[in-house]
């Protein structure tokens, strides 16, 4: 059986994602599509609009056969660690290929880039460290270091966000010695950070979220850029939970955490570096919204994404000790599957070298303890009945079978 993997967030699942799934099947001639999906919090350090269970339903209804969870410890990281966690899951799950979106859309350019940076690793590392010392953010430092290398213009542009992720997928494949074959498709129309929805049928997830939050959960503005099932699931979620989740709803809890913590406690939080704990303590005292806090914290050195992740780790009480020695995913958690997906799992699970988890309450692992804590944080801002439901789902929700 030919199985292709994709790494996703689906926040929420939109027409561009549906195109990605379909094109991935075509390019790889896949019999089965396996998606590794972030849980309730995402790489940019923000809460998912709707729960991972709701997003799993969207994926299964629109072409994905199996949805596996990317643990919080990998899902909320910079590109290198994010990619390493995702690739390790796909590799352990018996996937033959991976197909990712990129600005380049040419897999040969990625292969050349991996070889090029491997040959120039020493110089590249020096240039990167110099840029970081000069106060540039990590993504900007990556781009500057890359441009300093001789002949860097002849290979892939590493300043583009999806190219960066694609490169790290490729690097992770080679690092672990995986036999996964990489493919890429070019992103079209809406780009990753686009904030406005046009009349086209494809829009970025960022613009969809912006529209829903600013328009007070009005779904009509996004109806033409999402599959029908996504639209219906969002409608159902709105009725069931009353609102979509976002940082402003969580801000009062973040402010409480910061103002009741000592400097030492904040310094122990993951991504607290170079006095960032002192900076947030001062900034949050007379701040009334998450947007205002971020504008106060933002500098040339700290990207919006980096600061959001720091705030998220404060909210979830995730420490540097918990996040050290991250290598590969120690288990695989199934969030959902189609009938064909279940048949594959039943056939392949005996060959797996790491545990396959369907219900968290039956397994123990430090990463799962973090997931339970994170689920509690994600439920904040909702009324107690809904909070209890969201927390209980983390412990006992079985995989969704479509």
Protein backbone atom coordinates (compact mmCIF):
# COMPACT_ATOMS: atom_id res chain seq x y z
CA UNK A 1 0.00 0.00 0.00
CA UNK A 2 1.27 3.46 -0.94
CA UNK A 3 0.82 5.87 1.97
CA UNK A 4 1.61 9.58 1.89
CA UNK A 5 1.96 11.83 4.91
CA UNK A 6 1.17 15.51 5.36
CA UNK A 7 1.89 17.82 8.30
CA UNK A 8 -0.97 20.17 9.11
CA UNK A 9 -2.72 22.45 11.60
CA UNK A 10 -6.10 22.94 9.88
CA UNK A 11 -7.00 26.07 11.79
CA UNK A 12 -9.55 25.68 10.26
CA UNK A 13 -9.60 23.29 7.27
CA UNK A 14 -10.18 25.39 4.11
CA UNK A 15 -10.25 25.01 0.33
CA UNK A 16 -6.48 25.39 0.06
CA UNK A 17 -6.07 22.44 2.41
CA UNK A 18 -8.49 20.37 0.32
CA UNK A 19 -6.39 21.20 -2.74
CA UNK A 20 -3.24 20.12 -0.88
CA UNK A 21 -4.79 16.77 0.07
CA UNK A 22 -5.96 16.08 -3.48
CA UNK A 23 -2.68 17.14 -5.10
CA UNK A 24 -0.71 15.08 -2.57
CA UNK A 25 -2.71 12.01 -3.58
CA UNK A 26 -2.06 12.70 -7.26
CA UNK A 27 1.66 13.41 -6.97
CA UNK A 28 2.42 10.42 -4.79
CA UNK A 29 -0.19 8.06 -6.24
CA UNK A 30 -1.34 7.46 -2.66
CA UNK A 31 -3.81 4.83 -1.51
CA UNK A 32 -3.99 6.45 1.91
CA UNK A 33 -3.32 9.96 3.31
CA UNK A 34 -2.06 10.30 6.88
CA UNK A 35 -2.08 13.76 8.50
CA UNK A 36 0.06 14.65 11.51
CA UNK A 37 -1.89 17.51 13.07
CA UNK A 38 -1.11 19.90 15.92
CA UNK A 39 -3.39 19.65 18.93
CA UNK A 40 -5.22 22.51 20.64
CA UNK A 41 -2.27 24.92 20.46
CA UNK A 42 -0.26 25.69 17.34
CA UNK A 43 3.25 26.47 16.15
CA UNK A 44 2.77 30.24 16.20
CA UNK A 45 1.88 30.04 19.90
CA UNK A 46 -1.86 30.54 19.56
CA UNK A 47 -4.92 28.49 20.47
CA UNK A 48 -6.69 26.65 17.69
CA UNK A 49 -9.98 28.23 16.67
CA UNK A 50 -11.80 24.97 17.42
CA UNK A 51 -10.72 21.83 19.25
CA UNK A 52 -8.54 19.13 17.72
CA UNK A 53 -11.55 16.81 17.61
CA UNK A 54 -13.54 19.24 15.51
CA UNK A 55 -10.58 19.79 13.17
CA UNK A 56 -10.10 16.03 12.90
CA UNK A 57 -13.69 15.68 11.68
CA UNK A 58 -13.08 18.34 9.03
CA UNK A 59 -9.98 16.52 7.79
CA UNK A 60 -11.60 13.08 7.63
CA UNK A 61 -14.63 14.46 5.79
CA UNK A 62 -12.45 16.06 3.13
CA UNK A 63 -9.98 13.41 2.01
CA UNK A 64 -7.67 12.51 4.91
CA UNK A 65 -7.76 8.85 6.03
CA UNK A 66 -5.94 9.00 9.38
CA UNK A 67 -5.24 11.93 11.72
CA UNK A 68 -2.38 11.60 14.22
CA UNK A 69 -1.60 14.18 16.89
CA UNK A 70 1.65 16.11 16.96
CA UNK A 71 2.34 16.46 20.72
CA UNK A 72 2.41 19.92 22.29
CA UNK A 73 6.16 19.65 22.97
CA UNK A 74 6.76 19.54 19.19
CA UNK A 75 3.73 21.45 17.89
CA UNK A 76 4.65 24.72 19.64
CA UNK A 77 8.27 24.87 18.51
CA UNK A 78 10.39 26.57 15.88
CA UNK A 79 10.54 24.86 12.49
CA UNK A 80 13.43 22.47 13.16
CA UNK A 81 11.92 20.79 16.24
CA UNK A 82 8.39 20.95 14.82
CA UNK A 83 9.53 19.13 11.68
CA UNK A 84 11.61 16.57 13.56
CA UNK A 85 8.64 15.55 15.72
CA UNK A 86 6.30 15.28 12.74
CA UNK A 87 8.70 13.30 10.55
CA UNK A 88 9.48 10.87 13.39
CA UNK A 89 5.76 10.12 13.72
CA UNK A 90 5.28 9.57 9.98
CA UNK A 91 8.40 7.40 9.80
CA UNK A 92 7.22 5.20 12.67
CA UNK A 93 3.78 4.93 11.10
CA UNK A 94 5.06 3.30 7.92
CA UNK A 95 4.50 6.26 5.59
CA UNK A 96 6.18 6.01 2.16
CA UNK A 97 6.19 9.68 1.18
CA UNK A 98 5.49 13.20 2.39
CA UNK A 99 4.01 16.05 0.36
CA UNK A 100 4.28 19.62 1.65
CA UNK A 101 3.36 23.02 0.27
CA UNK A 102 6.12 25.51 -0.51
CA UNK A 103 6.75 28.78 -2.27
CA UNK A 104 9.24 27.02 -4.56
CA UNK A 105 7.16 24.01 -5.59
CA UNK A 106 10.25 22.15 -6.84
CA UNK A 107 11.59 19.23 -4.79
CA UNK A 108 14.94 19.29 -6.56
CA UNK A 109 15.62 22.73 -5.13
CA UNK A 110 15.06 21.37 -1.62
CA UNK A 111 17.39 18.44 -2.27
CA UNK A 112 20.05 20.85 -3.55
CA UNK A 113 19.54 23.06 -0.50
CA UNK A 114 20.03 20.19 1.96
CA UNK A 115 23.26 19.18 0.21
CA UNK A 116 24.42 22.81 -0.07
CA UNK A 117 23.93 23.57 3.64
CA UNK A 118 25.43 20.24 4.65
CA UNK A 119 28.59 21.12 2.72
CA UNK A 120 28.67 24.62 4.25
CA UNK A 121 27.49 23.70 7.75
CA UNK A 122 30.43 25.28 9.61
CA UNK A 123 30.18 28.66 7.86
CA UNK A 124 26.41 28.64 8.04
CA UNK A 125 26.45 28.03 11.81
CA UNK A 126 28.94 30.87 12.35
CA UNK A 127 26.90 33.30 10.24
CA UNK A 128 23.72 32.27 12.08
CA UNK A 129 25.25 32.82 15.52
CA UNK A 130 26.65 36.21 14.44
CA UNK A 131 23.22 37.33 13.25
CA UNK A 132 21.60 36.21 16.51
CA UNK A 133 24.23 38.11 18.52
CA UNK A 134 23.43 41.21 16.47
CA UNK A 135 19.87 41.06 17.78
CA UNK A 136 18.04 39.56 14.81
CA UNK A 137 15.15 37.19 15.34
CA UNK A 138 15.79 33.51 14.60
CA UNK A 139 13.91 33.45 11.25
CA UNK A 140 15.64 36.67 10.12
CA UNK A 141 19.01 35.34 11.29
CA UNK A 142 18.45 32.16 9.25
CA UNK A 143 17.76 34.20 6.12
CA UNK A 144 20.78 36.49 6.65
CA UNK A 145 23.11 33.57 7.30
CA UNK A 146 21.87 31.84 4.18
CA UNK A 147 22.43 34.93 2.02
CA UNK A 148 26.02 35.26 3.27
CA UNK A 149 26.99 31.90 1.85
CA UNK A 150 28.65 31.93 -1.56
CA UNK A 151 26.35 30.92 -4.42
CA UNK A 152 23.34 30.88 -2.10
CA UNK A 153 21.32 32.57 -4.84
CA UNK A 154 21.62 29.44 -6.95
CA UNK A 155 19.53 27.35 -4.56
CA UNK A 156 16.24 27.67 -2.72
CA UNK A 157 15.20 30.95 -1.06
CA UNK A 158 15.30 30.17 2.66
CA UNK A 159 13.63 33.44 3.65
CA UNK A 160 10.15 32.10 2.77
CA UNK A 161 8.14 30.49 5.64
CA UNK A 162 6.99 27.36 3.81
CA UNK A 163 10.37 26.85 2.20
CA UNK A 164 11.89 26.95 5.69
CA UNK A 165 9.49 24.26 6.94
CA UNK A 166 10.04 22.17 3.82
CA UNK A 167 13.80 22.35 4.28
CA UNK A 168 13.47 21.15 7.86
CA UNK A 169 11.22 18.26 6.79
CA UNK A 170 13.92 17.22 4.34
CA UNK A 171 16.66 17.67 6.93
CA UNK A 172 14.73 15.56 9.47
CA UNK A 173 14.23 12.77 6.91
CA UNK A 174 17.98 12.60 6.27
CA UNK A 175 18.86 12.98 9.95
CA UNK A 176 16.88 9.94 11.09
CA UNK A 177 17.74 7.92 8.00
CA UNK A 178 14.12 7.62 6.93
CA UNK A 179 13.11 6.11 3.59
CA UNK A 180 10.24 8.61 3.24
CA UNK A 181 10.29 10.14 -0.24
CA UNK A 182 9.61 13.92 -0.29
CA UNK A 183 7.32 15.75 -2.72
CA UNK A 184 6.20 19.38 -2.78
CA UNK A 185 3.47 21.43 -4.40
CA UNK A 186 3.54 25.17 -4.94
CA UNK A 187 1.34 27.39 -2.82
CA UNK A 188 -1.03 29.39 -5.00
CA UNK A 189 -3.24 32.47 -4.51
CA UNK A 190 -3.39 33.21 -0.76
CA UNK A 191 -0.09 33.23 1.11
CA UNK A 192 0.52 32.06 4.66
CA UNK A 193 0.30 35.46 6.38
CA UNK A 194 -2.45 37.04 4.23
CA UNK A 195 -5.02 38.67 6.53
CA UNK A 196 -7.75 39.62 4.07
CA UNK A 197 -10.30 37.38 2.34
CA UNK A 198 -10.86 38.15 -1.34
CA UNK A 199 -13.55 36.93 -3.68
CA UNK A 200 -11.35 33.99 -4.65
CA UNK A 201 -12.21 30.52 -3.36
CA UNK A 202 -8.87 30.08 -1.62
CA UNK A 203 -7.88 32.16 1.41
CA UNK A 204 -5.23 31.76 4.10
CA UNK A 205 -6.18 30.27 7.46
CA UNK A 206 -4.94 33.54 9.02
CA UNK A 207 -7.48 35.61 7.05
CA UNK A 208 -10.29 33.19 7.92
CA UNK A 209 -9.51 33.42 11.64
CA UNK A 210 -9.20 37.20 11.48
CA UNK A 211 -12.60 37.41 9.80
CA UNK A 212 -14.34 35.11 12.27
CA UNK A 213 -12.91 36.84 15.34
CA UNK A 214 -13.43 40.42 14.11
CA UNK A 215 -16.90 39.68 12.74
CA UNK A 216 -17.96 38.12 16.06
CA UNK A 217 -18.15 34.56 14.75
CA UNK A 218 -20.13 35.49 11.61
CA UNK A 219 -19.55 32.58 9.23
CA UNK A 220 -21.07 34.05 6.07
CA UNK A 221 -17.88 35.93 5.14
CA UNK A 222 -15.86 32.71 4.97
CA UNK A 223 -18.44 30.38 3.44
CA UNK A 224 -16.93 30.56 -0.06
CA UNK A 225 -13.38 29.66 1.04
CA UNK A 226 -14.06 26.51 3.08
CA UNK A 227 -15.55 23.11 2.17
CA UNK A 228 -19.20 22.61 3.04
CA UNK A 229 -18.34 20.20 5.85
CA UNK A 230 -16.02 22.76 7.46
CA UNK A 231 -18.75 25.39 7.29
CA UNK A 232 -21.28 23.03 8.91
CA UNK A 233 -18.80 21.93 11.59
CA UNK A 234 -18.00 25.55 12.46
CA UNK A 235 -21.70 26.33 12.68
CA UNK A 236 -22.21 23.34 14.95
CA UNK A 237 -19.21 24.30 17.11
CA UNK A 238 -20.50 27.85 17.48
CA UNK A 239 -23.89 26.58 18.67
CA UNK A 240 -22.34 23.99 20.97
CA UNK A 241 -19.62 26.13 22.57
CA UNK A 242 -20.91 29.66 21.98
CA UNK A 243 -17.62 31.01 20.65
CA UNK A 244 -14.36 30.13 18.93
CA UNK A 245 -11.19 30.16 21.02
CA UNK A 246 -8.56 32.89 20.64
CA UNK A 247 -5.93 34.70 22.70
CA UNK A 248 -8.12 37.57 23.91
CA UNK A 249 -10.37 35.06 25.70
CA UNK A 250 -7.32 33.58 27.42
CA UNK A 251 -5.62 36.90 28.24
CA UNK A 252 -7.11 37.35 31.76
CA UNK A 253 -5.69 33.96 32.77
CA UNK A 254 -2.29 34.79 31.31
CA UNK A 255 -2.26 38.09 33.19
CA UNK A 256 -3.13 36.32 36.44
CA UNK A 257 -0.34 33.80 35.89
CA UNK A 258 2.27 36.49 35.24
CA UNK A 259 1.26 38.80 38.09
CA UNK A 260 1.17 36.00 40.68
CA UNK A 261 4.48 34.44 39.64
CA UNK A 262 7.93 35.35 40.90
CA UNK A 263 10.69 36.40 38.53
CA UNK A 264 12.40 33.09 39.23
CA UNK A 265 9.27 31.13 38.29
CA UNK A 266 8.89 33.05 35.04
CA UNK A 267 12.57 32.59 34.26
CA UNK A 268 12.07 28.82 34.48
CA UNK A 269 9.41 28.91 31.75
CA UNK A 270 10.43 27.57 28.36
CA UNK A 271 11.65 30.33 25.97
CA UNK A 272 12.28 32.79 28.83
CA UNK A 273 15.65 34.16 27.79
CA UNK A 274 17.66 37.38 28.02
CA UNK A 275 15.42 38.97 30.64
CA UNK A 276 12.16 38.34 28.81
CA UNK A 277 10.59 37.41 32.15
CA UNK A 278 11.28 40.91 33.48
CA UNK A 279 10.01 42.52 30.32
CA UNK A 280 6.62 40.78 30.45
CA UNK A 281 6.23 41.51 34.17
CA UNK A 282 6.57 45.21 33.53
CA UNK A 283 4.52 45.29 30.33
CA UNK A 284 1.47 43.38 31.55
CA UNK A 285 0.69 45.41 34.69
CA UNK A 286 -1.32 48.15 33.01
CA UNK A 287 -2.30 46.16 29.89
CA UNK A 288 -5.92 45.34 29.13
CA UNK A 289 -5.67 43.05 26.08
CA UNK A 290 -3.40 40.45 24.52
CA UNK A 291 -2.94 42.61 21.42
CA UNK A 292 -1.75 45.51 23.57
CA UNK A 293 0.64 43.25 25.47
CA UNK A 294 2.16 41.91 22.28
CA UNK A 295 2.67 45.41 20.89
CA UNK A 296 4.51 46.37 24.06
CA UNK A 297 6.71 43.28 23.99
CA UNK A 298 7.54 43.28 20.28
CA UNK A 299 11.09 44.25 19.31
CA UNK A 300 13.40 43.60 16.38
CA UNK A 301 14.90 40.70 18.31
CA UNK A 302 11.65 39.00 19.32
CA UNK A 303 9.17 38.03 16.63
CA UNK A 304 5.44 38.06 17.29
CA UNK A 305 5.45 34.25 17.01
CA UNK A 306 8.29 33.82 19.49
CA UNK A 307 6.52 36.08 22.01
CA UNK A 308 3.21 34.27 21.57
CA UNK A 309 4.93 30.96 22.26
CA UNK A 310 6.51 32.40 25.41
CA UNK A 311 3.10 33.62 26.60
CA UNK A 312 1.61 30.22 25.81
CA UNK A 313 4.24 28.40 27.85
CA UNK A 314 3.54 30.73 30.78
CA UNK A 315 -0.18 29.96 30.50
CA UNK A 316 0.42 26.20 30.34
CA UNK A 317 3.24 26.30 32.93
CA UNK A 318 5.64 24.56 30.55
CA UNK A 319 9.20 24.71 31.84
CA UNK A 320 12.64 24.51 30.29
CA UNK A 321 13.24 21.25 32.15
CA UNK A 322 10.18 19.63 30.58
CA UNK A 323 11.21 20.68 27.08
CA UNK A 324 14.84 19.61 27.18
CA UNK A 325 16.24 16.60 25.31
CA UNK A 326 13.48 16.60 22.70
CA UNK A 327 14.35 14.11 19.99
CA UNK A 328 11.61 12.00 18.47
CA UNK A 329 7.99 11.31 19.31
CA UNK A 330 7.86 8.47 21.90
CA UNK A 331 4.31 7.41 21.00
CA UNK A 332 1.68 7.90 18.31
CA UNK A 333 -1.79 9.11 19.24
CA UNK A 334 -4.65 8.50 16.83
CA UNK A 335 -7.27 11.26 16.71
CA UNK A 336 -9.42 9.87 13.93
CA UNK A 337 -9.68 7.58 10.91
CA UNK A 338 -11.87 6.49 8.06
CA UNK A 339 -12.83 2.85 7.54
CA UNK A 340 -9.87 2.40 5.20
CA UNK A 341 -7.61 4.11 7.74
CA UNK A 342 -8.75 1.73 10.48
CA UNK A 343 -7.98 -1.26 8.26
CA UNK A 344 -4.43 0.00 7.78
CA UNK A 345 -3.95 0.58 11.52
CA UNK A 346 -5.21 -2.90 12.37
CA UNK A 347 -2.78 -4.35 9.85
CA UNK A 348 0.28 -2.23 10.71
CA UNK A 349 0.10 -1.69 14.49
CA UNK A 350 1.89 -4.97 15.25
CA UNK A 351 4.94 -3.72 13.34
CA UNK A 352 5.20 -0.42 15.23
CA UNK A 353 8.19 0.08 17.52
CA UNK A 354 6.56 2.77 19.69
CA UNK A 355 3.17 2.67 21.47
CA UNK A 356 0.00 3.44 19.53
CA UNK A 357 -2.42 5.40 21.73
CA UNK A 358 -6.14 5.69 21.21
CA UNK A 359 -7.25 6.81 24.69
CA UNK A 360 -4.96 8.87 26.95
CA UNK A 361 -6.42 7.52 30.22
CA UNK A 362 -4.93 4.10 29.47
CA UNK A 363 -1.34 5.29 29.03
CA UNK A 364 1.33 7.14 30.98
CA UNK A 365 4.07 9.40 29.68
CA UNK A 366 5.40 12.86 30.71
CA UNK A 367 4.29 14.29 27.35
CA UNK A 368 0.76 13.02 27.97
CA UNK A 369 0.79 14.74 31.37
CA UNK A 370 1.56 17.97 29.53
CA UNK A 371 -1.29 17.30 27.08
CA UNK A 372 -3.76 16.96 29.97
CA UNK A 373 -2.57 20.25 31.47
CA UNK A 374 -2.73 21.93 28.07
CA UNK A 375 -6.32 20.71 27.55
CA UNK A 376 -7.31 22.41 30.81
CA UNK A 377 -5.73 25.68 29.65
CA UNK A 378 -7.50 25.44 26.30
CA UNK A 379 -10.86 25.18 28.09
CA UNK A 380 -10.38 28.48 29.93
CA UNK A 381 -12.79 31.25 29.02
CA UNK A 382 -15.72 28.89 28.52
CA UNK A 383 -18.44 28.28 31.09
CA UNK A 384 -17.83 25.44 33.60
CA UNK A 385 -19.97 22.84 31.81
CA UNK A 386 -18.08 23.33 28.54
CA UNK A 387 -14.75 23.42 30.39
CA UNK A 388 -15.48 20.06 31.99
CA UNK A 389 -16.43 18.61 28.61
CA UNK A 390 -13.23 19.81 26.91
CA UNK A 391 -11.05 18.53 29.76
CA UNK A 392 -12.82 15.17 29.87
CA UNK A 393 -12.36 14.74 26.11
CA UNK A 394 -8.59 14.82 26.55
CA UNK A 395 -8.72 11.85 28.93
CA UNK A 396 -11.39 9.68 27.42
CA UNK A 397 -12.32 10.70 23.86
CA UNK A 398 -11.78 7.70 21.54
CA UNK A 399 -10.54 8.21 17.99
CA UNK A 400 -13.20 9.57 15.65
CA UNK A 401 -14.34 7.00 13.10
CA UNK A 402 -15.86 8.45 9.96
